[in-house]
Amino acid sequence: MASWEPDNPARPPAGVRLCALAEIADPGGKSFRFREGSRMFAGFVIREGEAARGFVDSCPHAGWPLAPLDDRYLTRDARHILCAGHGALFALDGHCIAGPCAGDRLHDWPVEVRAGEVWTA
């Protein structure tokens, strides 16, 4: 069972507070990890202004985390999500536009912003 699968027991249910929106650089990203027994769920949130979008932190090509060492999910110009493993580029909506997974997309992880806080949806 992969981290992105909806029946992963470590995937947090809707209504879990992740962080204050202000804790995520604008623009920028922040990773989140959840464990249930031996299972792990890895996700990240990208912030643009007052909006946030969540993705499962798993490259569709290789399955590894996109930013394994820190929360640097975006390219230097903050226009794309970058896979640090092999340099694939994703539009901010999760579609791969360059690299070995071109045409694929990141798996969405529904999140929402309420009163300046980021929550799972």
PDB file of N, CA and C in Angstrom:
ATOM      1  N   MET A   1       0.851  -1.181   0.000  1.00  0.00           N
ATOM      2  CA  MET A   1       0.000   0.000   0.000  1.00  0.00           C
ATOM      3  C   MET A   1       0.890   1.236   0.000  1.00  0.00           C
ATOM      4  N   ALA A   2       0.689   2.124  -0.949  1.00  0.00           N
ATOM      5  CA  ALA A   2       1.489   3.340  -1.078  1.00  0.00           C
ATOM      6  C   ALA A   2       0.915   4.460  -0.215  1.00  0.00           C
ATOM      7  N   SER A   3       1.759   5.457   0.080  1.00  0.00           N
ATOM      8  CA  SER A   3       1.371   6.593   0.919  1.00  0.00           C
ATOM      9  C   SER A   3       0.143   7.327   0.373  1.00  0.00           C
ATOM     10  N   TRP A   4       0.007   7.354  -0.961  1.00  0.00           N
ATOM     11  CA  TRP A   4      -1.073   8.134  -1.568  1.00  0.00           C
ATOM     12  C   TRP A   4      -2.417   7.446  -1.502  1.00  0.00           C
ATOM     13  N   GLU A   5      -2.458   6.150  -1.247  1.00  0.00           N
ATOM     14  CA  GLU A   5      -3.719   5.422  -1.288  1.00  0.00           C
ATOM     15  C   GLU A   5      -4.668   5.903  -0.208  1.00  0.00           C
ATOM     16  N   PRO A   6      -5.939   6.133  -0.573  1.00  0.00           N
ATOM     17  CA  PRO A   6      -6.912   6.674   0.378  1.00  0.00           C
ATOM     18  C   PRO A   6      -7.146   5.790   1.597  1.00  0.00           C
ATOM     19  N   ASP A   7      -6.921   4.469   1.484  1.00  0.00           N
ATOM     20  CA  ASP A   7      -7.147   3.594   2.630  1.00  0.00           C
ATOM     21  C   ASP A   7      -5.900   3.401   3.489  1.00  0.00           C
ATOM     22  N   ASN A   8      -4.867   4.223   3.262  1.00  0.00           N
ATOM     23  CA  ASN A   8      -3.679   4.196   4.109  1.00  0.00           C
ATOM     24  C   ASN A   8      -4.118   4.606   5.521  1.00  0.00           C
ATOM     25  N   PRO A   9      -3.962   3.750   6.533  1.00  0.00           N
ATOM     26  CA  PRO A   9      -4.435   4.095   7.879  1.00  0.00           C
ATOM     27  C   PRO A   9      -3.705   5.284   8.501  1.00  0.00           C
ATOM     28  N   ALA A  10      -2.553   5.653   7.971  1.00  0.00           N
ATOM     29  CA  ALA A  10      -1.816   6.794   8.517  1.00  0.00           C
ATOM     30  C   ALA A  10      -2.285   8.122   7.914  1.00  0.00           C
ATOM     31  N   ARG A  11      -3.065   8.067   6.833  1.00  0.00           N
ATOM     32  CA  ARG A  11      -3.568   9.295   6.203  1.00  0.00           C
ATOM     33  C   ARG A  11      -4.550   9.960   7.165  1.00  0.00           C
ATOM     34  N   PRO A  12      -4.323  11.228   7.523  1.00  0.00           N
ATOM     35  CA  PRO A  12      -5.200  11.862   8.516  1.00  0.00           C
ATOM     36  C   PRO A  12      -6.595  12.119   7.943  1.00  0.00           C
ATOM     37  N   PRO A  13      -7.613  11.980   8.773  1.00  0.00           N
ATOM     38  CA  PRO A  13      -8.970  12.253   8.307  1.00  0.00           C
ATOM     39  C   PRO A  13      -9.200  13.753   8.142  1.00  0.00           C
ATOM     40  N   ALA A  14     -10.323  14.119   7.554  1.00  0.00           N
ATOM     41  CA  ALA A  14     -10.708  15.530   7.450  1.00  0.00           C
ATOM     42  C   ALA A  14     -10.842  16.112   8.852  1.00  0.00           C
ATOM     43  N   GLY A  15     -10.498  17.402   8.973  1.00  0.00           N
ATOM     44  CA  GLY A  15     -10.661  18.091  10.242  1.00  0.00           C
ATOM     45  C   GLY A  15      -9.443  18.103  11.145  1.00  0.00           C
ATOM     46  N   VAL A  16      -8.290  17.684  10.634  1.00  0.00           N
ATOM     47  CA  VAL A  16      -7.058  17.723  11.425  1.00  0.00           C
ATOM     48  C   VAL A  16      -6.335  19.038  11.139  1.00  0.00           C
ATOM     49  N   ARG A  17      -6.033  19.808  12.198  1.00  0.00           N
ATOM     50  CA  ARG A  17      -5.291  21.054  12.037  1.00  0.00           C
ATOM     51  C   ARG A  17      -3.846  20.727  11.713  1.00  0.00           C
ATOM     52  N   LEU A  18      -3.331  21.336  10.634  1.00  0.00           N
ATOM     53  CA  LEU A  18      -1.947  21.110  10.231  1.00  0.00           C
ATOM     54  C   LEU A  18      -1.019  22.187  10.779  1.00  0.00           C
ATOM     55  N   CYS A  19      -1.374  23.466  10.583  1.00  0.00           N
ATOM     56  CA  CYS A  19      -0.537  24.567  11.046  1.00  0.00           C
ATOM     57  C   CYS A  19      -1.264  25.879  10.776  1.00  0.00           C
ATOM     58  N   ALA A  20      -0.700  26.963  11.280  1.00  0.00           N
ATOM     59  CA  ALA A  20      -1.180  28.290  10.899  1.00  0.00           C
ATOM     60  C   ALA A  20      -0.671  28.571   9.485  1.00  0.00           C
ATOM     61  N   LEU A  21      -1.470  29.215   8.668  1.00  0.00           N
ATOM     62  CA  LEU A  21      -1.047  29.551   7.308  1.00  0.00           C
ATOM     63  C   LEU A  21       0.246  30.365   7.347  1.00  0.00           C
ATOM     64  N   ALA A  22       0.404  31.218   8.343  1.00  0.00           N
ATOM     65  CA  ALA A  22       1.595  32.068   8.471  1.00  0.00           C
ATOM     66  C   ALA A  22       2.876  31.257   8.693  1.00  0.00           C
ATOM     67  N   GLU A  23       2.766  29.981   9.070  1.00  0.00           N
ATOM     68  CA  GLU A  23       3.942  29.135   9.263  1.00  0.00           C
ATOM     69  C   GLU A  23       4.519  28.643   7.937  1.00  0.00           C
ATOM     70  N   ILE A  24       3.808  28.885   6.837  1.00  0.00           N
ATOM     71  CA  ILE A  24       4.278  28.474   5.511  1.00  0.00           C
ATOM     72  C   ILE A  24       4.711  29.732   4.765  1.00  0.00           C
ATOM     73  N   ALA A  25       5.929  29.725   4.224  1.00  0.00           N
ATOM     74  CA  ALA A  25       6.412  30.880   3.459  1.00  0.00           C
ATOM     75  C   ALA A  25       5.432  31.193   2.333  1.00  0.00           C
ATOM     76  N   ASP A  26       5.386  32.447   1.929  1.00  0.00           N
ATOM     77  CA  ASP A  26       4.493  32.871   0.846  1.00  0.00           C
ATOM     78  C   ASP A  26       5.314  33.476  -0.285  1.00  0.00           C
ATOM     79  N   PRO A  27       5.482  32.793  -1.392  1.00  0.00           N
ATOM     80  CA  PRO A  27       5.059  31.414  -1.644  1.00  0.00           C
ATOM     81  C   PRO A  27       6.039  30.429  -1.033  1.00  0.00           C
ATOM     82  N   GLY A  28       5.554  29.235  -0.768  1.00  0.00           N
ATOM     83  CA  GLY A  28       6.421  28.220  -0.195  1.00  0.00           C
ATOM     84  C   GLY A  28       5.670  26.946   0.105  1.00  0.00           C
ATOM     85  N   GLY A  29       6.351  26.025   0.765  1.00  0.00           N
ATOM     86  CA  GLY A  29       5.754  24.735   1.076  1.00  0.00           C
ATOM     87  C   GLY A  29       6.167  24.252   2.445  1.00  0.00           C
ATOM     88  N   LYS A  30       5.405  23.299   2.962  1.00  0.00           N
ATOM     89  CA  LYS A  30       5.692  22.717   4.272  1.00  0.00           C
ATOM     90  C   LYS A  30       5.268  21.253   4.238  1.00  0.00           C
ATOM     91  N   SER A  31       6.117  20.393   4.790  1.00  0.00           N
ATOM     92  CA  SER A  31       5.822  18.963   4.802  1.00  0.00           C
ATOM     93  C   SER A  31       5.131  18.550   6.102  1.00  0.00           C
ATOM     94  N   PHE A  32       4.397  17.447   6.004  1.00  0.00           N
ATOM     95  CA  PHE A  32       3.688  16.879   7.153  1.00  0.00           C
ATOM     96  C   PHE A  32       3.811  15.367   7.072  1.00  0.00           C
ATOM     97  N   ARG A  33       4.073  14.733   8.209  1.00  0.00           N
ATOM     98  CA  ARG A  33       4.218  13.279   8.280  1.00  0.00           C
ATOM     99  C   ARG A  33       3.309  12.745   9.381  1.00  0.00           C
ATOM    100  N   PHE A  34       2.654  11.627   9.087  1.00  0.00           N
ATOM    101  CA  PHE A  34       1.763  10.984  10.044  1.00  0.00           C
ATOM    102  C   PHE A  34       2.095   9.491  10.061  1.00  0.00           C
ATOM    103  N   ARG A  35       2.046   8.901  11.238  1.00  0.00           N
ATOM    104  CA  ARG A  35       2.364   7.470  11.384  1.00  0.00           C
ATOM    105  C   ARG A  35       1.211   6.777  12.100  1.00  0.00           C
ATOM    106  N   GLU A  36       0.903   5.590  11.624  1.00  0.00           N
ATOM    107  CA  GLU A  36      -0.072   4.704  12.265  1.00  0.00           C
ATOM    108  C   GLU A  36       0.542   3.304  12.228  1.00  0.00           C
ATOM    109  N   GLY A  37       1.041   2.844  13.365  1.00  0.00           N
ATOM    110  CA  GLY A  37       1.739   1.565  13.399  1.00  0.00           C
ATOM    111  C   GLY A  37       2.972   1.620  12.505  1.00  0.00           C
ATOM    112  N   SER A  38       3.068   0.695  11.577  1.00  0.00           N
ATOM    113  CA  SER A  38       4.215   0.661  10.665  1.00  0.00           C
ATOM    114  C   SER A  38       3.968   1.465   9.387  1.00  0.00           C
ATOM    115  N   ARG A  39       2.816   2.067   9.252  1.00  0.00           N
ATOM    116  CA  ARG A  39       2.456   2.814   8.045  1.00  0.00           C
ATOM    117  C   ARG A  39       2.741   4.298   8.227  1.00  0.00           C
ATOM    118  N   MET A  40       3.114   4.958   7.134  1.00  0.00           N
ATOM    119  CA  MET A  40       3.386   6.392   7.164  1.00  0.00           C
ATOM    120  C   MET A  40       2.638   7.076   6.021  1.00  0.00           C
ATOM    121  N   PHE A  41       2.175   8.281   6.289  1.00  0.00           N
ATOM    122  CA  PHE A  41       1.614   9.138   5.258  1.00  0.00           C
ATOM    123  C   PHE A  41       2.451  10.413   5.220  1.00  0.00           C
ATOM    124  N   ALA A  42       2.883  10.792   4.023  1.00  0.00           N
ATOM    125  CA  ALA A  42       3.678  12.008   3.840  1.00  0.00           C
ATOM    126  C   ALA A  42       2.934  12.931   2.888  1.00  0.00           C
ATOM    127  N   GLY A  43       2.723  14.155   3.326  1.00  0.00           N
ATOM    128  CA  GLY A  43       2.062  15.150   2.487  1.00  0.00           C
ATOM    129  C   GLY A  43       2.774  16.479   2.590  1.00  0.00           C
ATOM    130  N   PHE A  44       2.446  17.393   1.678  1.00  0.00           N
ATOM    131  CA  PHE A  44       2.980  18.746   1.777  1.00  0.00           C
ATOM    132  C   PHE A  44       1.931  19.730   1.295  1.00  0.00           C
ATOM    133  N   VAL A  45       2.070  20.955   1.790  1.00  0.00           N
ATOM    134  CA  VAL A  45       1.140  22.032   1.447  1.00  0.00           C
ATOM    135  C   VAL A  45       1.932  23.144   0.786  1.00  0.00           C
ATOM    136  N   ILE A  46       1.409  23.637  -0.329  1.00  0.00           N
ATOM    137  CA  ILE A  46       1.971  24.782  -1.036  1.00  0.00           C
ATOM    138  C   ILE A  46       1.084  25.986  -0.749  1.00  0.00           C
ATOM    139  N   ARG A  47       1.715  27.089  -0.381  1.00  0.00           N
ATOM    140  CA  ARG A  47       0.975  28.325  -0.108  1.00  0.00           C
ATOM    141  C   ARG A  47       1.231  29.340  -1.204  1.00  0.00           C
ATOM    142  N   GLU A  48       0.149  29.978  -1.643  1.00  0.00           N
ATOM    143  CA  GLU A  48       0.202  31.139  -2.545  1.00  0.00           C
ATOM    144  C   GLU A  48      -0.752  32.172  -1.974  1.00  0.00           C
ATOM    145  N   GLY A  49      -0.220  33.194  -1.334  1.00  0.00           N
ATOM    146  CA  GLY A  49      -1.077  34.211  -0.719  1.00  0.00           C
ATOM    147  C   GLY A  49      -1.900  33.595   0.398  1.00  0.00           C
ATOM    148  N   GLU A  50      -3.210  33.749   0.311  1.00  0.00           N
ATOM    149  CA  GLU A  50      -4.107  33.211   1.336  1.00  0.00           C
ATOM    150  C   GLU A  50      -4.625  31.824   0.972  1.00  0.00           C
ATOM    151  N   ALA A  51      -4.145  31.264  -0.136  1.00  0.00           N
ATOM    152  CA  ALA A  51      -4.593  29.943  -0.594  1.00  0.00           C
ATOM    153  C   ALA A  51      -3.552  28.883  -0.262  1.00  0.00           C
ATOM    154  N   ALA A  52      -4.027  27.664  -0.048  1.00  0.00           N
ATOM    155  CA  ALA A  52      -3.146  26.520   0.215  1.00  0.00           C
ATOM    156  C   ALA A  52      -3.666  25.324  -0.574  1.00  0.00           C
ATOM    157  N   ARG A  53      -2.730  24.536  -1.074  1.00  0.00           N
ATOM    158  CA  ARG A  53      -3.081  23.329  -1.825  1.00  0.00           C
ATOM    159  C   ARG A  53      -2.207  22.196  -1.317  1.00  0.00           C
ATOM    160  N   GLY A  54      -2.803  21.029  -1.093  1.00  0.00           N
ATOM    161  CA  GLY A  54      -2.065  19.901  -0.548  1.00  0.00           C
ATOM    162  C   GLY A  54      -1.835  18.804  -1.572  1.00  0.00           C
ATOM    163  N   PHE A  55      -0.695  18.131  -1.423  1.00  0.00           N
ATOM    164  CA  PHE A  55      -0.329  17.006  -2.285  1.00  0.00           C
ATOM    165  C   PHE A  55       0.304  15.914  -1.444  1.00  0.00           C
ATOM    166  N   VAL A  56       0.173  14.677  -1.896  1.00  0.00           N
ATOM    167  CA  VAL A  56       0.915  13.576  -1.297  1.00  0.00           C
ATOM    168  C   VAL A  56       2.372  13.762  -1.701  1.00  0.00           C
ATOM    169  N   ASP A  57       3.269  13.616  -0.746  1.00  0.00           N
ATOM    170  CA  ASP A  57       4.693  13.843  -0.998  1.00  0.00           C
ATOM    171  C   ASP A  57       5.335  12.592  -1.576  1.00  0.00           C
ATOM    172  N   SER A  58       5.041  12.338  -2.850  1.00  0.00           N
ATOM    173  CA  SER A  58       5.549  11.147  -3.524  1.00  0.00           C
ATOM    174  C   SER A  58       5.644  11.431  -5.017  1.00  0.00           C
ATOM    175  N   CYS A  59       6.835  11.338  -5.565  1.00  0.00           N
ATOM    176  CA  CYS A  59       7.041  11.538  -6.994  1.00  0.00           C
ATOM    177  C   CYS A  59       6.285  10.451  -7.761  1.00  0.00           C
ATOM    178  N   PRO A  60       5.451  10.812  -8.743  1.00  0.00           N
ATOM    179  CA  PRO A  60       4.724   9.782  -9.486  1.00  0.00           C
ATOM    180  C   PRO A  60       5.638   8.884 -10.313  1.00  0.00           C
ATOM    181  N   HIS A  61       6.857   9.328 -10.580  1.00  0.00           N
ATOM    182  CA  HIS A  61       7.800   8.535 -11.365  1.00  0.00           C
ATOM    183  C   HIS A  61       8.552   7.528 -10.494  1.00  0.00           C
ATOM    184  N   ALA A  62       9.069   7.988  -9.358  1.00  0.00           N
ATOM    185  CA  ALA A  62       9.951   7.145  -8.550  1.00  0.00           C
ATOM    186  C   ALA A  62       9.384   6.773  -7.180  1.00  0.00           C
ATOM    187  N   GLY A  63       8.378   7.496  -6.690  1.00  0.00           N
ATOM    188  CA  GLY A  63       7.787   7.191  -5.394  1.00  0.00           C
ATOM    189  C   GLY A  63       8.472   7.802  -4.194  1.00  0.00           C
ATOM    190  N   TRP A  64       9.611   8.469  -4.391  1.00  0.00           N
ATOM    191  CA  TRP A  64      10.305   9.071  -3.249  1.00  0.00           C
ATOM    192  C   TRP A  64       9.730  10.456  -2.943  1.00  0.00           C
ATOM    193  N   PRO A  65      10.024  11.014  -1.751  1.00  0.00           N
ATOM    194  CA  PRO A  65       9.572  12.370  -1.414  1.00  0.00           C
ATOM    195  C   PRO A  65      10.192  13.394  -2.362  1.00  0.00           C
ATOM    196  N   LEU A  66       9.452  14.464  -2.648  1.00  0.00           N
ATOM    197  CA  LEU A  66       9.940  15.482  -3.570  1.00  0.00           C
ATOM    198  C   LEU A  66      11.044  16.333  -2.961  1.00  0.00           C
ATOM    199  N   ALA A  67      10.942  16.652  -1.676  1.00  0.00           N
ATOM    200  CA  ALA A  67      11.954  17.480  -0.986  1.00  0.00           C
ATOM    201  C   ALA A  67      12.391  16.725   0.260  1.00  0.00           C
ATOM    202  N   PRO A  68      13.287  15.742   0.126  1.00  0.00           N
ATOM    203  CA  PRO A  68      13.599  14.859   1.247  1.00  0.00           C
ATOM    204  C   PRO A  68      14.331  15.502   2.419  1.00  0.00           C
ATOM    205  N   LEU A  69      14.979  16.653   2.244  1.00  0.00           N
ATOM    206  CA  LEU A  69      15.793  17.203   3.321  1.00  0.00           C
ATOM    207  C   LEU A  69      15.180  18.402   4.032  1.00  0.00           C
ATOM    208  N   ASP A  70      14.303  19.118   3.385  1.00  0.00           N
ATOM    209  CA  ASP A  70      13.713  20.307   3.991  1.00  0.00           C
ATOM    210  C   ASP A  70      12.403  20.623   3.288  1.00  0.00           C
ATOM    211  N   ASP A  71      11.868  21.790   3.515  1.00  0.00           N
ATOM    212  CA  ASP A  71      10.588  22.181   2.922  1.00  0.00           C
ATOM    213  C   ASP A  71      10.745  22.962   1.618  1.00  0.00           C
ATOM    214  N   ARG A  72      11.828  22.753   0.904  1.00  0.00           N
ATOM    215  CA  ARG A  72      12.045  23.455  -0.370  1.00  0.00           C
ATOM    216  C   ARG A  72      11.376  22.705  -1.511  1.00  0.00           C
ATOM    217  N   TYR A  73      10.090  22.908  -1.642  1.00  0.00           N
ATOM    218  CA  TYR A  73       9.319  22.242  -2.693  1.00  0.00           C
ATOM    219  C   TYR A  73       9.291  23.050  -3.982  1.00  0.00           C
ATOM    220  N   LEU A  74       9.506  24.346  -3.888  1.00  0.00           N
ATOM    221  CA  LEU A  74       9.374  25.196  -5.065  1.00  0.00           C
ATOM    222  C   LEU A  74      10.731  25.511  -5.687  1.00  0.00           C
ATOM    223  N   THR A  75      10.697  25.782  -6.994  1.00  0.00           N
ATOM    224  CA  THR A  75      11.900  26.250  -7.678  1.00  0.00           C
ATOM    225  C   THR A  75      12.268  27.624  -7.127  1.00  0.00           C
ATOM    226  N   ARG A  76      13.466  28.092  -7.431  1.00  0.00           N
ATOM    227  CA  ARG A  76      13.923  29.386  -6.899  1.00  0.00           C
ATOM    228  C   ARG A  76      12.996  30.533  -7.271  1.00  0.00           C
ATOM    229  N   ASP A  77      12.394  30.473  -8.473  1.00  0.00           N
ATOM    230  CA  ASP A  77      11.478  31.539  -8.878  1.00  0.00           C
ATOM    231  C   ASP A  77      10.054  31.305  -8.373  1.00  0.00           C
ATOM    232  N   ALA A  78       9.830  30.220  -7.622  1.00  0.00           N
ATOM    233  CA  ALA A  78       8.547  29.869  -7.002  1.00  0.00           C
ATOM    234  C   ALA A  78       7.428  29.649  -8.022  1.00  0.00           C
ATOM    235  N   ARG A  79       7.788  29.297  -9.253  1.00  0.00           N
ATOM    236  CA  ARG A  79       6.778  29.086 -10.293  1.00  0.00           C
ATOM    237  C   ARG A  79       6.399  27.620 -10.453  1.00  0.00           C
ATOM    238  N   HIS A  80       7.230  26.708  -9.913  1.00  0.00           N
ATOM    239  CA  HIS A  80       6.982  25.280 -10.087  1.00  0.00           C
ATOM    240  C   HIS A  80       7.353  24.508  -8.820  1.00  0.00           C
ATOM    241  N   ILE A  81       6.752  23.324  -8.689  1.00  0.00           N
ATOM    242  CA  ILE A  81       7.146  22.363  -7.671  1.00  0.00           C
ATOM    243  C   ILE A  81       8.262  21.531  -8.296  1.00  0.00           C
ATOM    244  N   LEU A  82       9.313  21.281  -7.531  1.00  0.00           N
ATOM    245  CA  LEU A  82      10.490  20.575  -8.039  1.00  0.00           C
ATOM    246  C   LEU A  82      10.672  19.244  -7.328  1.00  0.00           C
ATOM    247  N   CYS A  83      10.927  18.183  -8.086  1.00  0.00           N
ATOM    248  CA  CYS A  83      11.334  16.907  -7.500  1.00  0.00           C
ATOM    249  C   CYS A  83      12.850  16.961  -7.357  1.00  0.00           C
ATOM    250  N   ALA A  84      13.337  16.993  -6.135  1.00  0.00           N
ATOM    251  CA  ALA A  84      14.780  17.096  -5.898  1.00  0.00           C
ATOM    252  C   ALA A  84      15.520  15.846  -6.367  1.00  0.00           C
ATOM    253  N   GLY A  85      14.843  14.729  -6.480  1.00  0.00           N
ATOM    254  CA  GLY A  85      15.483  13.484  -6.872  1.00  0.00           C
ATOM    255  C   GLY A  85      15.957  13.450  -8.310  1.00  0.00           C
ATOM    256  N   HIS A  86      15.154  13.977  -9.237  1.00  0.00           N
ATOM    257  CA  HIS A  86      15.556  13.927 -10.640  1.00  0.00           C
ATOM    258  C   HIS A  86      15.186  15.175 -11.428  1.00  0.00           C
ATOM    259  N   GLY A  87      14.747  16.216 -10.748  1.00  0.00           N
ATOM    260  CA  GLY A  87      14.543  17.499 -11.404  1.00  0.00           C
ATOM    261  C   GLY A  87      13.239  17.660 -12.154  1.00  0.00           C
ATOM    262  N   ALA A  88      12.283  16.755 -11.996  1.00  0.00           N
ATOM    263  CA  ALA A  88      10.986  16.934 -12.653  1.00  0.00           C
ATOM    264  C   ALA A  88      10.339  18.224 -12.150  1.00  0.00           C
ATOM    265  N   LEU A  89       9.622  18.893 -13.032  1.00  0.00           N
ATOM    266  CA  LEU A  89       8.920  20.129 -12.679  1.00  0.00           C
ATOM    267  C   LEU A  89       7.418  19.900 -12.769  1.00  0.00           C
ATOM    268  N   PHE A  90       6.725  20.403 -11.767  1.00  0.00           N
ATOM    269  CA  PHE A  90       5.272  20.306 -11.705  1.00  0.00           C
ATOM    270  C   PHE A  90       4.691  21.707 -11.646  1.00  0.00           C
ATOM    271  N   ALA A  91       3.608  21.942 -12.374  1.00  0.00           N
ATOM    272  CA  ALA A  91       2.866  23.192 -12.225  1.00  0.00           C
ATOM    273  C   ALA A  91       2.317  23.217 -10.794  1.00  0.00           C
ATOM    274  N   LEU A  92       1.936  24.380 -10.315  1.00  0.00           N
ATOM    275  CA  LEU A  92       1.443  24.495  -8.942  1.00  0.00           C
ATOM    276  C   LEU A  92       0.114  23.778  -8.737  1.00  0.00           C
ATOM    277  N   ASP A  93      -0.518  23.309  -9.829  1.00  0.00           N
ATOM    278  CA  ASP A  93      -1.730  22.501  -9.700  1.00  0.00           C
ATOM    279  C   ASP A  93      -1.417  21.006  -9.654  1.00  0.00           C
ATOM    280  N   GLY A  94      -0.115  20.643  -9.690  1.00  0.00           N
ATOM    281  CA  GLY A  94       0.298  19.256  -9.552  1.00  0.00           C
ATOM    282  C   GLY A  94       0.599  18.515 -10.834  1.00  0.00           C
ATOM    283  N   HIS A  95       0.349  19.101 -12.000  1.00  0.00           N
ATOM    284  CA  HIS A  95       0.641  18.435 -13.267  1.00  0.00           C
ATOM    285  C   HIS A  95       2.132  18.510 -13.594  1.00  0.00           C
ATOM    286  N   CYS A  96       2.730  17.368 -13.973  1.00  0.00           N
ATOM    287  CA  CYS A  96       4.136  17.335 -14.337  1.00  0.00           C
ATOM    288  C   CYS A  96       4.295  17.899 -15.743  1.00  0.00           C
ATOM    289  N   ILE A  97       5.154  18.907 -15.862  1.00  0.00           N
ATOM    290  CA  ILE A  97       5.349  19.555 -17.154  1.00  0.00           C
ATOM    291  C   ILE A  97       6.723  19.273 -17.758  1.00  0.00           C
ATOM    292  N   ALA A  98       7.644  18.708 -16.969  1.00  0.00           N
ATOM    293  CA  ALA A  98       8.980  18.386 -17.487  1.00  0.00           C
ATOM    294  C   ALA A  98       9.615  17.311 -16.622  1.00  0.00           C
ATOM    295  N   GLY A  99      10.281  16.368 -17.271  1.00  0.00           N
ATOM    296  CA  GLY A  99      10.958  15.299 -16.560  1.00  0.00           C
ATOM    297  C   GLY A  99      10.394  13.948 -16.937  1.00  0.00           C
ATOM    298  N   PRO A 100      10.871  12.884 -16.288  1.00  0.00           N
ATOM    299  CA  PRO A 100      10.467  11.530 -16.660  1.00  0.00           C
ATOM    300  C   PRO A 100       8.998  11.213 -16.387  1.00  0.00           C
ATOM    301  N   CYS A 101       8.326  12.040 -15.605  1.00  0.00           N
ATOM    302  CA  CYS A 101       6.903  11.792 -15.339  1.00  0.00           C
ATOM    303  C   CYS A 101       6.015  12.812 -16.050  1.00  0.00           C
ATOM    304  N   ALA A 102       6.533  13.467 -17.096  1.00  0.00           N
ATOM    305  CA  ALA A 102       5.759  14.469 -17.843  1.00  0.00           C
ATOM    306  C   ALA A 102       4.417  13.879 -18.249  1.00  0.00           C
ATOM    307  N   GLY A 103       3.361  14.652 -18.004  1.00  0.00           N
ATOM    308  CA  GLY A 103       2.012  14.197 -18.303  1.00  0.00           C
ATOM    309  C   GLY A 103       1.319  13.571 -17.109  1.00  0.00           C
ATOM    310  N   ASP A 104       2.076  13.104 -16.129  1.00  0.00           N
ATOM    311  CA  ASP A 104       1.518  12.570 -14.880  1.00  0.00           C
ATOM    312  C   ASP A 104       1.146  13.739 -13.978  1.00  0.00           C
ATOM    313  N   ARG A 105       0.680  13.429 -12.787  1.00  0.00           N
ATOM    314  CA  ARG A 105       0.398  14.490 -11.819  1.00  0.00           C
ATOM    315  C   ARG A 105       0.594  13.964 -10.399  1.00  0.00           C
ATOM    316  N   LEU A 106       0.822  14.896  -9.505  1.00  0.00           N
ATOM    317  CA  LEU A 106       0.897  14.563  -8.085  1.00  0.00           C
ATOM    318  C   LEU A 106      -0.502  14.191  -7.596  1.00  0.00           C
ATOM    319  N   HIS A 107      -0.564  13.337  -6.576  1.00  0.00           N
ATOM    320  CA  HIS A 107      -1.851  12.993  -5.984  1.00  0.00           C
ATOM    321  C   HIS A 107      -2.278  14.123  -5.047  1.00  0.00           C
ATOM    322  N   ASP A 108      -3.501  14.590  -5.205  1.00  0.00           N
ATOM    323  CA  ASP A 108      -4.028  15.649  -4.346  1.00  0.00           C
ATOM    324  C   ASP A 108      -4.210  15.136  -2.922  1.00  0.00           C
ATOM    325  N   TRP A 109      -3.983  16.024  -1.975  1.00  0.00           N
ATOM    326  CA  TRP A 109      -4.282  15.795  -0.569  1.00  0.00           C
ATOM    327  C   TRP A 109      -5.150  16.979  -0.162  1.00  0.00           C
ATOM    328  N   PRO A 110      -6.452  16.790  -0.059  1.00  0.00           N
ATOM    329  CA  PRO A 110      -7.343  17.921   0.191  1.00  0.00           C
ATOM    330  C   PRO A 110      -7.053  18.632   1.516  1.00  0.00           C
ATOM    331  N   VAL A 111      -6.832  19.932   1.408  1.00  0.00           N
ATOM    332  CA  VAL A 111      -6.660  20.797   2.581  1.00  0.00           C
ATOM    333  C   VAL A 111      -7.499  22.046   2.358  1.00  0.00           C
ATOM    334  N   GLU A 112      -7.733  22.782   3.441  1.00  0.00           N
ATOM    335  CA  GLU A 112      -8.470  24.042   3.349  1.00  0.00           C
ATOM    336  C   GLU A 112      -7.926  25.018   4.375  1.00  0.00           C
ATOM    337  N   VAL A 113      -8.123  26.300   4.097  1.00  0.00           N
ATOM    338  CA  VAL A 113      -7.726  27.360   5.022  1.00  0.00           C
ATOM    339  C   VAL A 113      -8.991  27.902   5.662  1.00  0.00           C
ATOM    340  N   ARG A 114      -9.009  27.908   6.996  1.00  0.00           N
ATOM    341  CA  ARG A 114     -10.132  28.462   7.757  1.00  0.00           C
ATOM    342  C   ARG A 114      -9.558  29.352   8.848  1.00  0.00           C
ATOM    343  N   ALA A 115      -9.948  30.615   8.824  1.00  0.00           N
ATOM    344  CA  ALA A 115      -9.527  31.566   9.854  1.00  0.00           C
ATOM    345  C   ALA A 115      -8.011  31.558  10.059  1.00  0.00           C
ATOM    346  N   GLY A 116      -7.271  31.517   8.953  1.00  0.00           N
ATOM    347  CA  GLY A 116      -5.818  31.583   9.026  1.00  0.00           C
ATOM    348  C   GLY A 116      -5.127  30.296   9.427  1.00  0.00           C
ATOM    349  N   GLU A 117      -5.853  29.191   9.484  1.00  0.00           N
ATOM    350  CA  GLU A 117      -5.310  27.882   9.846  1.00  0.00           C
ATOM    351  C   GLU A 117      -5.491  26.925   8.678  1.00  0.00           C
ATOM    352  N   VAL A 118      -4.533  26.002   8.501  1.00  0.00           N
ATOM    353  CA  VAL A 118      -4.623  24.997   7.450  1.00  0.00           C
ATOM    354  C   VAL A 118      -5.102  23.689   8.070  1.00  0.00           C
ATOM    355  N   TRP A 119      -6.143  23.118   7.480  1.00  0.00           N
ATOM    356  CA  TRP A 119      -6.778  21.888   7.973  1.00  0.00           C
ATOM    357  C   TRP A 119      -6.878  20.864   6.844  1.00  0.00           C
ATOM    358  N   THR A 120      -6.890  19.587   7.207  1.00  0.00           N
ATOM    359  CA  THR A 120      -7.213  18.558   6.214  1.00  0.00           C
ATOM    360  C   THR A 120      -8.695  18.696   5.879  1.00  0.00           C
ATOM    361  N   ALA A 121      -9.045  18.386   4.645  1.00  0.00           N
ATOM    362  CA  ALA A 121     -10.446  18.520   4.204  1.00  0.00           C
ATOM    363  C   ALA A 121     -10.983  17.171   3.756  1.00  0.00           C
TER     364      ALA A 121
END
